[in-house]
Amino acid sequence: EQYKGIKGVEHSIDFGDDELTETVTLTYADLDLEKLASVT
């Protein structure tokens, strides 16, 4: 939830039966660094 709406951030979590897979992609040219810093 904290990553939603932050420009330049793609985030997903896939919950499997035994493990979860999280993927976070940051595209620096598009990244809203101030908003990302505020949530993290």
Full PDB file with SEQRES, HELIX, SHEET, SSBOND, CRYST1, ORIGX, SCALE, CONECT and MASTER records, all heavy atoms in Angstrom:
SEQRES   1 A   40  GLU GLN TYR LYS GLY ILE LYS GLY VAL GLU HIS SER ILE          
SEQRES   2 A   40  ASP PHE GLY ASP ASP GLU LEU THR GLU THR VAL THR LEU          
SEQRES   3 A   40  THR TYR ALA ASP LEU ASP LEU GLU LYS LEU ALA SER VAL          
SEQRES   4 A   40  THR                                                          
HELIX    1 AA1 LEU A   33  VAL A   39  1                                   7    
SHEET    1 AA1 2 VAL A   9  PHE A  15  0                                        
SHEET    2 AA1 2 LEU A  20  LEU A  26 -1                                        
CRYST1    1.000    1.000    1.000  90.00  90.00  90.00 P 1           1          
ORIGX1      1.000000  0.000000  0.000000        0.00000                         
ORIGX2      0.000000  1.000000  0.000000        0.00000                         
ORIGX3      0.000000  0.000000  1.000000        0.00000                         
SCALE1      1.000000  0.000000  0.000000        0.00000                         
SCALE2      0.000000  1.000000  0.000000        0.00000                         
SCALE3      0.000000  0.000000  1.000000        0.00000                         
ATOM      1  N   GLU A   1       0.817  -1.221   0.000  1.00  0.00           N  
ATOM      2  CA  GLU A   1       0.000   0.000   0.000  1.00  0.00           C  
ATOM      3  C   GLU A   1       0.844   1.261   0.000  1.00  0.00           C  
ATOM      4  O   GLU A   1       0.486   2.248  -0.626  1.00  0.00           O  
ATOM      5  CB  GLU A   1      -0.950   0.001   1.202  1.00  0.00           C  
ATOM      6  CG  GLU A   1      -2.058  -1.029   1.109  1.00  0.00           C  
ATOM      7  CD  GLU A   1      -2.938  -0.851  -0.112  1.00  0.00           C  
ATOM      8  OE1 GLU A   1      -3.375   0.291  -0.383  1.00  0.00           O  
ATOM      9  OE2 GLU A   1      -3.175  -1.849  -0.809  1.00  0.00           O  
ATOM     10  N   GLN A   2       1.972   1.242   0.687  1.00  0.00           N  
ATOM     11  CA  GLN A   2       2.779   2.455   0.791  1.00  0.00           C  
ATOM     12  C   GLN A   2       3.400   2.862  -0.541  1.00  0.00           C  
ATOM     13  O   GLN A   2       3.744   4.016  -0.738  1.00  0.00           O  
ATOM     14  CB  GLN A   2       3.842   2.319   1.878  1.00  0.00           C  
ATOM     15  CG  GLN A   2       4.979   1.377   1.561  1.00  0.00           C  
ATOM     16  CD  GLN A   2       5.956   1.257   2.707  1.00  0.00           C  
ATOM     17  OE1 GLN A   2       5.783   1.863   3.757  1.00  0.00           O  
ATOM     18  NE2 GLN A   2       6.990   0.456   2.522  1.00  0.00           N  
ATOM     19  N   TYR A   3       3.541   1.925  -1.480  1.00  0.00           N  
ATOM     20  CA  TYR A   3       4.143   2.243  -2.766  1.00  0.00           C  
ATOM     21  C   TYR A   3       3.140   2.743  -3.807  1.00  0.00           C  
ATOM     22  O   TYR A   3       3.535   3.294  -4.829  1.00  0.00           O  
ATOM     23  CB  TYR A   3       4.853   1.017  -3.349  1.00  0.00           C  
ATOM     24  CG  TYR A   3       6.065   0.596  -2.583  1.00  0.00           C  
ATOM     25  CD1 TYR A   3       6.067  -0.573  -1.837  1.00  0.00           C  
ATOM     26  CD2 TYR A   3       7.228   1.355  -2.594  1.00  0.00           C  
ATOM     27  CE1 TYR A   3       7.185  -0.980  -1.131  1.00  0.00           C  
ATOM     28  CE2 TYR A   3       8.352   0.970  -1.896  1.00  0.00           C  
ATOM     29  CZ  TYR A   3       8.323  -0.206  -1.168  1.00  0.00           C  
ATOM     30  OH  TYR A   3       9.427  -0.594  -0.464  1.00  0.00           O  
ATOM     31  N   LYS A   4       1.854   2.529  -3.551  1.00  0.00           N  
ATOM     32  CA  LYS A   4       0.838   2.913  -4.537  1.00  0.00           C  
ATOM     33  C   LYS A   4       0.875   4.407  -4.805  1.00  0.00           C  
ATOM     34  O   LYS A   4       0.950   5.220  -3.893  1.00  0.00           O  
ATOM     35  CB  LYS A   4      -0.556   2.503  -4.063  1.00  0.00           C  
ATOM     36  CG  LYS A   4      -0.812   1.032  -4.219  1.00  0.00           C  
ATOM     37  CD  LYS A   4      -2.248   0.687  -3.936  1.00  0.00           C  
ATOM     38  CE  LYS A   4      -2.461  -0.803  -4.166  1.00  0.00           C  
ATOM     39  NZ  LYS A   4      -3.801  -1.204  -3.803  1.00  0.00           N  
ATOM     40  N   GLY A   5       0.827   4.751  -6.074  1.00  0.00           N  
ATOM     41  CA  GLY A   5       0.752   6.142  -6.461  1.00  0.00           C  
ATOM     42  C   GLY A   5       2.073   6.888  -6.476  1.00  0.00           C  
ATOM     43  O   GLY A   5       2.086   8.093  -6.689  1.00  0.00           O  
ATOM     44  N   ILE A   6       3.185   6.202  -6.262  1.00  0.00           N  
ATOM     45  CA  ILE A   6       4.481   6.874  -6.316  1.00  0.00           C  
ATOM     46  C   ILE A   6       5.019   6.740  -7.742  1.00  0.00           C  
ATOM     47  O   ILE A   6       5.246   5.630  -8.229  1.00  0.00           O  
ATOM     48  CB  ILE A   6       5.488   6.297  -5.305  1.00  0.00           C  
ATOM     49  CG1 ILE A   6       4.953   6.441  -3.879  1.00  0.00           C  
ATOM     50  CG2 ILE A   6       6.841   6.992  -5.453  1.00  0.00           C  
ATOM     51  CD1 ILE A   6       5.836   5.826  -2.823  1.00  0.00           C  
ATOM     52  N   LYS A   7       5.195   7.865  -8.377  1.00  0.00           N  
ATOM     53  CA  LYS A   7       5.688   7.889  -9.746  1.00  0.00           C  
ATOM     54  C   LYS A   7       7.085   7.260  -9.807  1.00  0.00           C  
ATOM     55  O   LYS A   7       7.945   7.546  -8.980  1.00  0.00           O  
ATOM     56  CB  LYS A   7       5.736   9.336 -10.241  1.00  0.00           C  
ATOM     57  CG  LYS A   7       6.080   9.467 -11.692  1.00  0.00           C  
ATOM     58  CD  LYS A   7       6.039  10.910 -12.139  1.00  0.00           C  
ATOM     59  CE  LYS A   7       6.478  11.002 -13.584  1.00  0.00           C  
ATOM     60  NZ  LYS A   7       6.730  12.361 -13.987  1.00  0.00           N  
ATOM     61  N   GLY A   8       7.271   6.367 -10.793  1.00  0.00           N  
ATOM     62  CA  GLY A   8       8.565   5.724 -10.983  1.00  0.00           C  
ATOM     63  C   GLY A   8       8.746   4.445 -10.185  1.00  0.00           C  
ATOM     64  O   GLY A   8       9.808   3.839 -10.242  1.00  0.00           O  
ATOM     65  N   VAL A   9       7.706   4.020  -9.447  1.00  0.00           N  
ATOM     66  CA  VAL A   9       7.777   2.792  -8.648  1.00  0.00           C  
ATOM     67  C   VAL A   9       6.727   1.811  -9.146  1.00  0.00           C  
ATOM     68  O   VAL A   9       5.550   2.143  -9.251  1.00  0.00           O  
ATOM     69  CB  VAL A   9       7.529   3.063  -7.144  1.00  0.00           C  
ATOM     70  CG1 VAL A   9       7.533   1.753  -6.352  1.00  0.00           C  
ATOM     71  CG2 VAL A   9       8.555   4.028  -6.591  1.00  0.00           C  
ATOM     72  N   GLU A  10       7.171   0.613  -9.479  1.00  0.00           N  
ATOM     73  CA  GLU A  10       6.255  -0.488  -9.775  1.00  0.00           C  
ATOM     74  C   GLU A  10       6.464  -1.509  -8.665  1.00  0.00           C  
ATOM     75  O   GLU A  10       7.605  -1.878  -8.367  1.00  0.00           O  
ATOM     76  CB  GLU A  10       6.581  -1.126 -11.124  1.00  0.00           C  
ATOM     77  CG  GLU A  10       6.345  -0.226 -12.309  1.00  0.00           C  
ATOM     78  CD  GLU A  10       6.783  -0.890 -13.608  1.00  0.00           C  
ATOM     79  OE1 GLU A  10       6.645  -2.123 -13.737  1.00  0.00           O  
ATOM     80  OE2 GLU A  10       7.286  -0.160 -14.476  1.00  0.00           O  
ATOM     81  N   HIS A  11       5.371  -1.970  -8.063  1.00  0.00           N  
ATOM     82  CA  HIS A  11       5.478  -2.882  -6.930  1.00  0.00           C  
ATOM     83  C   HIS A  11       4.412  -3.951  -7.035  1.00  0.00           C  
ATOM     84  O   HIS A  11       3.257  -3.653  -7.345  1.00  0.00           O  
ATOM     85  CB  HIS A  11       5.305  -2.115  -5.610  1.00  0.00           C  
ATOM     86  CG  HIS A  11       5.454  -2.981  -4.405  1.00  0.00           C  
ATOM     87  ND1 HIS A  11       4.383  -3.580  -3.789  1.00  0.00           N  
ATOM     88  CD2 HIS A  11       6.548  -3.374  -3.715  1.00  0.00           C  
ATOM     89  CE1 HIS A  11       4.817  -4.287  -2.762  1.00  0.00           C  
ATOM     90  NE2 HIS A  11       6.123  -4.184  -2.699  1.00  0.00           N  
ATOM     91  N   SER A  12       4.810  -5.189  -6.774  1.00  0.00           N  
ATOM     92  CA  SER A  12       3.830  -6.273  -6.744  1.00  0.00           C  
ATOM     93  C   SER A  12       4.265  -7.315  -5.721  1.00  0.00           C  
ATOM     94  O   SER A  12       5.459  -7.486  -5.458  1.00  0.00           O  
ATOM     95  CB  SER A  12       3.695  -6.935  -8.122  1.00  0.00           C  
ATOM     96  OG  SER A  12       4.897  -7.587  -8.481  1.00  0.00           O  
ATOM     97  N   ILE A  13       3.262  -7.976  -5.138  1.00  0.00           N  
ATOM     98  CA  ILE A  13       3.516  -9.108  -4.247  1.00  0.00           C  
ATOM     99  C   ILE A  13       2.593 -10.231  -4.685  1.00  0.00           C  
ATOM    100  O   ILE A  13       1.386 -10.039  -4.819  1.00  0.00           O  
ATOM    101  CB  ILE A  13       3.241  -8.780  -2.766  1.00  0.00           C  
ATOM    102  CG1 ILE A  13       4.120  -7.637  -2.277  1.00  0.00           C  
ATOM    103  CG2 ILE A  13       3.480 -10.026  -1.899  1.00  0.00           C  
ATOM    104  CD1 ILE A  13       3.866  -7.231  -0.835  1.00  0.00           C  
ATOM    105  N   ASP A  14       3.188 -11.396  -4.923  1.00  0.00           N  
ATOM    106  CA  ASP A  14       2.430 -12.585  -5.290  1.00  0.00           C  
ATOM    107  C   ASP A  14       2.543 -13.557  -4.122  1.00  0.00           C  
ATOM    108  O   ASP A  14       3.651 -13.995  -3.781  1.00  0.00           O  
ATOM    109  CB  ASP A  14       2.999 -13.200  -6.567  1.00  0.00           C  
ATOM    110  CG  ASP A  14       2.282 -14.465  -6.980  1.00  0.00           C  
ATOM    111  OD1 ASP A  14       1.051 -14.555  -6.778  1.00  0.00           O  
ATOM    112  OD2 ASP A  14       2.955 -15.383  -7.501  1.00  0.00           O  
ATOM    113  N   PHE A  15       1.409 -13.862  -3.501  1.00  0.00           N  
ATOM    114  CA  PHE A  15       1.394 -14.776  -2.365  1.00  0.00           C  
ATOM    115  C   PHE A  15       1.108 -16.185  -2.861  1.00  0.00           C  
ATOM    116  O   PHE A  15       0.029 -16.459  -3.368  1.00  0.00           O  
ATOM    117  CB  PHE A  15       0.335 -14.353  -1.342  1.00  0.00           C  
ATOM    118  CG  PHE A  15       0.630 -13.035  -0.692  1.00  0.00           C  
ATOM    119  CD1 PHE A  15       0.073 -11.860  -1.187  1.00  0.00           C  
ATOM    120  CD2 PHE A  15       1.467 -12.958   0.404  1.00  0.00           C  
ATOM    121  CE1 PHE A  15       0.346 -10.639  -0.595  1.00  0.00           C  
ATOM    122  CE2 PHE A  15       1.753 -11.744   1.002  1.00  0.00           C  
ATOM    123  CZ  PHE A  15       1.190 -10.583   0.496  1.00  0.00           C  
ATOM    124  N   GLY A  16       2.083 -17.083  -2.726  1.00  0.00           N  
ATOM    125  CA  GLY A  16       1.890 -18.481  -3.067  1.00  0.00           C  
ATOM    126  C   GLY A  16       1.568 -19.279  -1.820  1.00  0.00           C  
ATOM    127  O   GLY A  16       1.440 -18.724  -0.723  1.00  0.00           O  
ATOM    128  N   ASP A  17       1.437 -20.573  -1.979  1.00  0.00           N  
ATOM    129  CA  ASP A  17       1.107 -21.436  -0.845  1.00  0.00           C  
ATOM    130  C   ASP A  17       2.243 -21.519   0.173  1.00  0.00           C  
ATOM    131  O   ASP A  17       1.994 -21.571   1.378  1.00  0.00           O  
ATOM    132  CB  ASP A  17       0.737 -22.845  -1.323  1.00  0.00           C  
ATOM    133  CG  ASP A  17      -0.577 -22.865  -2.073  1.00  0.00           C  
ATOM    134  OD1 ASP A  17      -1.423 -21.973  -1.846  1.00  0.00           O  
ATOM    135  OD2 ASP A  17      -0.758 -23.782  -2.908  1.00  0.00           O  
ATOM    136  N   ASP A  18       3.503 -21.539  -0.304  1.00  0.00           N  
ATOM    137  CA  ASP A  18       4.657 -21.722   0.573  1.00  0.00           C  
ATOM    138  C   ASP A  18       5.587 -20.524   0.662  1.00  0.00           C  
ATOM    139  O   ASP A  18       6.459 -20.479   1.524  1.00  0.00           O  
ATOM    140  CB  ASP A  18       5.484 -22.926   0.104  1.00  0.00           C  
ATOM    141  CG  ASP A  18       4.683 -24.209   0.117  1.00  0.00           C  
ATOM    142  OD1 ASP A  18       3.920 -24.426   1.079  1.00  0.00           O  
ATOM    143  OD2 ASP A  18       4.818 -24.995  -0.848  1.00  0.00           O  
ATOM    144  N   GLU A  19       5.426 -19.568  -0.269  1.00  0.00           N  
ATOM    145  CA  GLU A  19       6.317 -18.418  -0.296  1.00  0.00           C  
ATOM    146  C   GLU A  19       5.642 -17.249  -0.990  1.00  0.00           C  
ATOM    147  O   GLU A  19       4.661 -17.415  -1.703  1.00  0.00           O  
ATOM    148  CB  GLU A  19       7.636 -18.757  -1.000  1.00  0.00           C  
ATOM    149  CG  GLU A  19       7.473 -19.114  -2.468  1.00  0.00           C  
ATOM    150  CD  GLU A  19       8.743 -19.642  -3.117  1.00  0.00           C  
ATOM    151  OE1 GLU A  19       9.634 -20.144  -2.397  1.00  0.00           O  
ATOM    152  OE2 GLU A  19       8.837 -19.563  -4.351  1.00  0.00           O  
ATOM    153  N   LEU A  20       6.190 -16.077  -0.742  1.00  0.00           N  
ATOM    154  CA  LEU A  20       5.712 -14.897  -1.457  1.00  0.00           C  
ATOM    155  C   LEU A  20       6.844 -14.379  -2.315  1.00  0.00           C  
ATOM    156  O   LEU A  20       8.024 -14.585  -2.011  1.00  0.00           O  
ATOM    157  CB  LEU A  20       5.223 -13.813  -0.484  1.00  0.00           C  
ATOM    158  CG  LEU A  20       6.234 -13.092   0.417  1.00  0.00           C  
ATOM    159  CD1 LEU A  20       6.884 -11.916  -0.305  1.00  0.00           C  
ATOM    160  CD2 LEU A  20       5.543 -12.588   1.660  1.00  0.00           C  
ATOM    161  N   THR A  21       6.474 -13.727  -3.401  1.00  0.00           N  
ATOM    162  CA  THR A  21       7.454 -13.099  -4.282  1.00  0.00           C  
ATOM    163  C   THR A  21       7.075 -11.638  -4.409  1.00  0.00           C  
ATOM    164  O   THR A  21       5.967 -11.306  -4.825  1.00  0.00           O  
ATOM    165  CB  THR A  21       7.474 -13.768  -5.674  1.00  0.00           C  
ATOM    166  OG1 THR A  21       7.776 -15.158  -5.505  1.00  0.00           O  
ATOM    167  CG2 THR A  21       8.509 -13.122  -6.571  1.00  0.00           C  
ATOM    168  N   GLU A  22       8.001 -10.788  -4.011  1.00  0.00           N  
ATOM    169  CA  GLU A  22       7.798  -9.345  -4.101  1.00  0.00           C  
ATOM    170  C   GLU A  22       8.758  -8.807  -5.155  1.00  0.00           C  
ATOM    171  O   GLU A  22       9.926  -9.169  -5.178  1.00  0.00           O  
ATOM    172  CB  GLU A  22       8.093  -8.674  -2.765  1.00  0.00           C  
ATOM    173  CG  GLU A  22       7.971  -7.156  -2.850  1.00  0.00           C  
ATOM    174  CD  GLU A  22       8.474  -6.448  -1.617  1.00  0.00           C  
ATOM    175  OE1 GLU A  22       9.541  -6.829  -1.094  1.00  0.00           O  
ATOM    176  OE2 GLU A  22       7.794  -5.504  -1.192  1.00  0.00           O  
ATOM    177  N   THR A  23       8.247  -7.934  -6.017  1.00  0.00           N  
ATOM    178  CA  THR A  23       9.078  -7.287  -7.016  1.00  0.00           C  
ATOM    179  C   THR A  23       8.862  -5.788  -6.926  1.00  0.00           C  
ATOM    180  O   THR A  23       7.721  -5.316  -6.934  1.00  0.00           O  
ATOM    181  CB  THR A  23       8.731  -7.793  -8.434  1.00  0.00           C  
ATOM    182  OG1 THR A  23       8.847  -9.217  -8.461  1.00  0.00           O  
ATOM    183  CG2 THR A  23       9.667  -7.190  -9.471  1.00  0.00           C  
ATOM    184  N   VAL A  24       9.968  -5.046  -6.808  1.00  0.00           N  
ATOM    185  CA  VAL A  24       9.926  -3.580  -6.762  1.00  0.00           C  
ATOM    186  C   VAL A  24      10.867  -3.078  -7.851  1.00  0.00           C  
ATOM    187  O   VAL A  24      12.040  -3.441  -7.867  1.00  0.00           O  
ATOM    188  CB  VAL A  24      10.392  -3.024  -5.401  1.00  0.00           C  
ATOM    189  CG1 VAL A  24      10.320  -1.498  -5.391  1.00  0.00           C  
ATOM    190  CG2 VAL A  24       9.591  -3.609  -4.257  1.00  0.00           C  
ATOM    191  N   THR A  25      10.342  -2.257  -8.761  1.00  0.00           N  
ATOM    192  CA  THR A  25      11.167  -1.660  -9.799  1.00  0.00           C  
ATOM    193  C   THR A  25      11.138  -0.146  -9.637  1.00  0.00           C  
ATOM    194  O   THR A  25      10.061   0.449  -9.528  1.00  0.00           O  
ATOM    195  CB  THR A  25      10.672  -2.056 -11.203  1.00  0.00           C  
ATOM    196  OG1 THR A  25      10.748  -3.477 -11.330  1.00  0.00           O  
ATOM    197  CG2 THR A  25      11.522  -1.414 -12.291  1.00  0.00           C  
ATOM    198  N   LEU A  26      12.331   0.439  -9.593  1.00  0.00           N  
ATOM    199  CA  LEU A  26      12.477   1.889  -9.507  1.00  0.00           C  
ATOM    200  C   LEU A  26      13.071   2.377 -10.819  1.00  0.00           C  
ATOM    201  O   LEU A  26      14.149   1.931 -11.215  1.00  0.00           O  
ATOM    202  CB  LEU A  26      13.418   2.277  -8.362  1.00  0.00           C  
ATOM    203  CG  LEU A  26      13.101   1.722  -6.975  1.00  0.00           C  
ATOM    204  CD1 LEU A  26      14.183   2.133  -5.984  1.00  0.00           C  
ATOM    205  CD2 LEU A  26      11.750   2.185  -6.505  1.00  0.00           C  
ATOM    206  N   THR A  27      12.362   3.287 -11.497  1.00  0.00           N  
ATOM    207  CA  THR A  27      12.867   3.911 -12.719  1.00  0.00           C  
ATOM    208  C   THR A  27      13.285   5.318 -12.336  1.00  0.00           C  
ATOM    209  O   THR A  27      12.438   6.185 -12.079  1.00  0.00           O  
ATOM    210  CB  THR A  27      11.783   3.920 -13.816  1.00  0.00           C  
ATOM    211  OG1 THR A  27      11.364   2.572 -14.041  1.00  0.00           O  
ATOM    212  CG2 THR A  27      12.325   4.521 -15.112  1.00  0.00           C  
ATOM    213  N   TYR A  28      14.589   5.535 -12.263  1.00  0.00           N  
ATOM    214  CA  TYR A  28      15.110   6.759 -11.664  1.00  0.00           C  
ATOM    215  C   TYR A  28      14.742   8.039 -12.403  1.00  0.00           C  
ATOM    216  O   TYR A  28      14.550   9.078 -11.773  1.00  0.00           O  
ATOM    217  CB  TYR A  28      16.623   6.635 -11.438  1.00  0.00           C  
ATOM    218  CG  TYR A  28      16.867   5.869 -10.167  1.00  0.00           C  
ATOM    219  CD1 TYR A  28      16.810   4.484 -10.154  1.00  0.00           C  
ATOM    220  CD2 TYR A  28      17.060   6.525  -8.970  1.00  0.00           C  
ATOM    221  CE1 TYR A  28      16.970   3.786  -8.974  1.00  0.00           C  
ATOM    222  CE2 TYR A  28      17.227   5.835  -7.793  1.00  0.00           C  
ATOM    223  CZ  TYR A  28      17.177   4.461  -7.803  1.00  0.00           C  
ATOM    224  OH  TYR A  28      17.316   3.773  -6.629  1.00  0.00           O  
ATOM    225  N   ALA A  29      14.618   8.007 -13.712  1.00  0.00           N  
ATOM    226  CA  ALA A  29      14.263   9.224 -14.454  1.00  0.00           C  
ATOM    227  C   ALA A  29      12.861   9.707 -14.078  1.00  0.00           C  
ATOM    228  O   ALA A  29      12.585  10.904 -14.101  1.00  0.00           O  
ATOM    229  CB  ALA A  29      14.341   8.978 -15.953  1.00  0.00           C  
ATOM    230  N   ASP A  30      11.984   8.787 -13.712  1.00  0.00           N  
ATOM    231  CA  ASP A  30      10.593   9.118 -13.398  1.00  0.00           C  
ATOM    232  C   ASP A  30      10.304   9.201 -11.903  1.00  0.00           C  
ATOM    233  O   ASP A  30       9.230   9.635 -11.502  1.00  0.00           O  
ATOM    234  CB  ASP A  30       9.654   8.046 -13.989  1.00  0.00           C  
ATOM    235  CG  ASP A  30       9.802   7.919 -15.486  1.00  0.00           C  
ATOM    236  OD1 ASP A  30      10.152   8.923 -16.141  1.00  0.00           O  
ATOM    237  OD2 ASP A  30       9.583   6.809 -16.006  1.00  0.00           O  
ATOM    238  N   LEU A  31      11.230   8.766 -11.077  1.00  0.00           N  
ATOM    239  CA  LEU A  31      10.984   8.546  -9.657  1.00  0.00           C  
ATOM    240  C   LEU A  31      10.702   9.825  -8.875  1.00  0.00           C  
ATOM    241  O   LEU A  31      11.446  10.794  -8.956  1.00  0.00           O  
ATOM    242  CB  LEU A  31      12.195   7.836  -9.050  1.00  0.00           C  
ATOM    243  CG  LEU A  31      12.066   7.300  -7.637  1.00  0.00           C  
ATOM    244  CD1 LEU A  31      10.911   6.319  -7.517  1.00  0.00           C  
ATOM    245  CD2 LEU A  31      13.360   6.619  -7.231  1.00  0.00           C  
ATOM    246  N   ASP A  32       9.619   9.792  -8.107  1.00  0.00           N  
ATOM    247  CA  ASP A  32       9.296  10.872  -7.176  1.00  0.00           C  
ATOM    248  C   ASP A  32      10.033  10.554  -5.874  1.00  0.00           C  
ATOM    249  O   ASP A  32       9.501   9.889  -4.982  1.00  0.00           O  
ATOM    250  CB  ASP A  32       7.787  10.953  -6.951  1.00  0.00           C  
ATOM    251  CG  ASP A  32       7.376  12.102  -6.047  1.00  0.00           C  
ATOM    252  OD1 ASP A  32       8.226  12.611  -5.277  1.00  0.00           O  
ATOM    253  OD2 ASP A  32       6.189  12.479  -6.093  1.00  0.00           O  
ATOM    254  N   LEU A  33      11.275  11.016  -5.778  1.00  0.00           N  
ATOM    255  CA  LEU A  33      12.141  10.681  -4.640  1.00  0.00           C  
ATOM    256  C   LEU A  33      11.605  11.215  -3.315  1.00  0.00           C  
ATOM    257  O   LEU A  33      11.723  10.549  -2.289  1.00  0.00           O  
ATOM    258  CB  LEU A  33      13.551  11.208  -4.878  1.00  0.00           C  
ATOM    259  CG  LEU A  33      14.348  10.462  -5.935  1.00  0.00           C  
ATOM    260  CD1 LEU A  33      15.598  11.244  -6.315  1.00  0.00           C  
ATOM    261  CD2 LEU A  33      14.737   9.091  -5.428  1.00  0.00           C  
ATOM    262  N   GLU A  34      11.035  12.394  -3.337  1.00  0.00           N  
ATOM    263  CA  GLU A  34      10.516  12.966  -2.092  1.00  0.00           C  
ATOM    264  C   GLU A  34       9.356  12.133  -1.546  1.00  0.00           C  
ATOM    265  O   GLU A  34       9.299  11.856  -0.350  1.00  0.00           O  
ATOM    266  CB  GLU A  34      10.096  14.416  -2.300  1.00  0.00           C  
ATOM    267  CG  GLU A  34      11.285  15.335  -2.501  1.00  0.00           C  
ATOM    268  CD  GLU A  34      10.894  16.792  -2.658  1.00  0.00           C  
ATOM    269  OE1 GLU A  34       9.919  17.229  -2.014  1.00  0.00           O  
ATOM    270  OE2 GLU A  34      11.566  17.484  -3.428  1.00  0.00           O  
ATOM    271  N   LYS A  35       8.451  11.711  -2.419  1.00  0.00           N  
ATOM    272  CA  LYS A  35       7.319  10.904  -1.959  1.00  0.00           C  
ATOM    273  C   LYS A  35       7.786   9.521  -1.499  1.00  0.00           C  
ATOM    274  O   LYS A  35       7.322   9.017  -0.485  1.00  0.00           O  
ATOM    275  CB  LYS A  35       6.267  10.776  -3.068  1.00  0.00           C  
ATOM    276  CG  LYS A  35       4.984  10.161  -2.587  1.00  0.00           C  
ATOM    277  CD  LYS A  35       3.866  10.316  -3.588  1.00  0.00           C  
ATOM    278  CE  LYS A  35       2.583   9.762  -3.010  1.00  0.00           C  
ATOM    279  NZ  LYS A  35       1.490   9.842  -3.976  1.00  0.00           N  
ATOM    280  N   LEU A  36       8.727   8.941  -2.237  1.00  0.00           N  
ATOM    281  CA  LEU A  36       9.268   7.647  -1.833  1.00  0.00           C  
ATOM    282  C   LEU A  36       9.936   7.757  -0.467  1.00  0.00           C  
ATOM    283  O   LEU A  36       9.717   6.928   0.415  1.00  0.00           O  
ATOM    284  CB  LEU A  36      10.260   7.132  -2.875  1.00  0.00           C  
ATOM    285  CG  LEU A  36      10.909   5.784  -2.574  1.00  0.00           C  
ATOM    286  CD1 LEU A  36       9.867   4.678  -2.500  1.00  0.00           C  
ATOM    287  CD2 LEU A  36      11.961   5.464  -3.624  1.00  0.00           C  
ATOM    288  N   ALA A  37      10.724   8.796  -0.275  1.00  0.00           N  
ATOM    289  CA  ALA A  37      11.404   8.998   1.011  1.00  0.00           C  
ATOM    290  C   ALA A  37      10.401   9.211   2.132  1.00  0.00           C  
ATOM    291  O   ALA A  37      10.597   8.729   3.251  1.00  0.00           O  
ATOM    292  CB  ALA A  37      12.355  10.186   0.919  1.00  0.00           C  
ATOM    293  N   SER A  38       9.305   9.896   1.847  1.00  0.00           N  
ATOM    294  CA  SER A  38       8.329  10.170   2.903  1.00  0.00           C  
ATOM    295  C   SER A  38       7.637   8.901   3.399  1.00  0.00           C  
ATOM    296  O   SER A  38       7.311   8.800   4.569  1.00  0.00           O  
ATOM    297  CB  SER A  38       7.294  11.201   2.443  1.00  0.00           C  
ATOM    298  OG  SER A  38       6.384  10.625   1.528  1.00  0.00           O  
ATOM    299  N   VAL A  39       7.447   7.912   2.528  1.00  0.00           N  
ATOM    300  CA  VAL A  39       6.776   6.686   2.977  1.00  0.00           C  
ATOM    301  C   VAL A  39       7.738   5.644   3.519  1.00  0.00           C  
ATOM    302  O   VAL A  39       7.322   4.740   4.234  1.00  0.00           O  
ATOM    303  CB  VAL A  39       5.894   6.051   1.875  1.00  0.00           C  
ATOM    304  CG1 VAL A  39       4.803   6.989   1.443  1.00  0.00           C  
ATOM    305  CG2 VAL A  39       6.705   5.569   0.714  1.00  0.00           C  
ATOM    306  N   THR A  40       9.025   5.767   3.196  1.00  0.00           N  
ATOM    307  CA  THR A  40       9.985   4.766   3.656  1.00  0.00           C  
ATOM    308  C   THR A  40      10.886   5.271   4.771  1.00  0.00           C  
ATOM    309  O   THR A  40      11.650   4.498   5.329  1.00  0.00           O  
ATOM    310  CB  THR A  40      10.883   4.305   2.490  1.00  0.00           C  
ATOM    311  OG1 THR A  40      11.618   5.431   2.016  1.00  0.00           O  
ATOM    312  CG2 THR A  40      10.072   3.682   1.378  1.00  0.00           C  
TER     313      THR A  40                                                      
MASTER        0    0    0    1    2    0    0    6  312    1    0    4          
END                                                                             
